[in-house]
Amino acid sequence: MDIQELFQDDTKIPSLPEVFYQFKEAIDDPESSFEEIGEIIGNDPGLTARLLKIVNSAFFGFPSKVETISHAVGIIGREQLNDLVISTVVMAQFKDIPQSLIDMRSFWKHSIACGLSARIIASQKRESNPERFFVAGLLHDIGLIVICNKLPSLFLNTALRSKSNKETFHKAEIEEMGFNHADVGGFLLKTWELPKVFEEAVKFHHNPANATQFSLEASVVHIADVLADDFHSLKLGHNTEVSPTHPHLNEDALKYIDLPDDTYLSTIRILMEKEFEQTAEIFLQTA
């Protein structure tokens, strides 16, 4: 089986809601007003409530309350609101995965830890939109959900093979299936027509040197994933860990982000842990 065959029967492949594509069209149109964007999001009260909850949380840390989506656009900007909508909408699409296959709370905790680490690294590097790195980290393992939902037996066999052979999960996937969850995640984001930066960051987070346009994002997510693995490893159903061994830090990724000194990663880990509980509580309410 190849990835395209995996997606041919889309009965278990979630699609993003129509409101997202209406929002995307408006956000990409420089002539659309903040009010027009707010009206589109307002058609989905649940999404509106989730977005405002996040915007008014410590994640952004604004001094006064943001009351409307149009107000939020004016404060955080189109690009950051777009990234926030992507993260919120995607998390809401995977609510019905059987807990016997994968512990979704554990999945999102690991993903949030990765997103936070990526955001902190981006902030330290003075990137203009650290939230974009957060979303890339949040989505990095999204392909795992597709595989476990579409191919549950093969998914479990891969986990057992990884554990018995003491090899990283993504390598065991390639040996079992010919592709891994990063490939599947990248393909899914492309299918959803999400920005290329997320597709590449997800697809190449285990091999960032292979990214063609967004090597920095892929490298940051790779390093953030290793930090997140040490902090909160992903578990399958029945409390079985996905990875018996953590992925090794890619030397090319380390060089690409140009670490200032040997204590840098420890500092990132400490900063991530300080933010984790509050951020996880906020985002897990959307999942």
Foldseek 3Di string as FASTA:
>chain_A
DDLVVLCPPVPPPFAFDPLLVVLVVQLPDPPRALVNSQVSCVVPVVLFVLLQLCCQFVVPPDPDRDDTSSSVCVPPHSVLVNLVSVLLRVLLRQPPQDLQFFPVLLLQLLLQQLLLLLLVLCVVVVPPHSSNLSSLSSLQQVLLSSCCRRPVVLLVVLQVCCVVVVHFSQVSCCVSPVGGSLCNSLVSCVVNVHDNLSSQLNNCLLPLVPRDPNSLSSLSSVLSSLLSCVVRFTATRPRHGSHPDGRDRDPVSCVVSPDPDPCRSVVSSVVSVVCSPRVSVSSVVSD
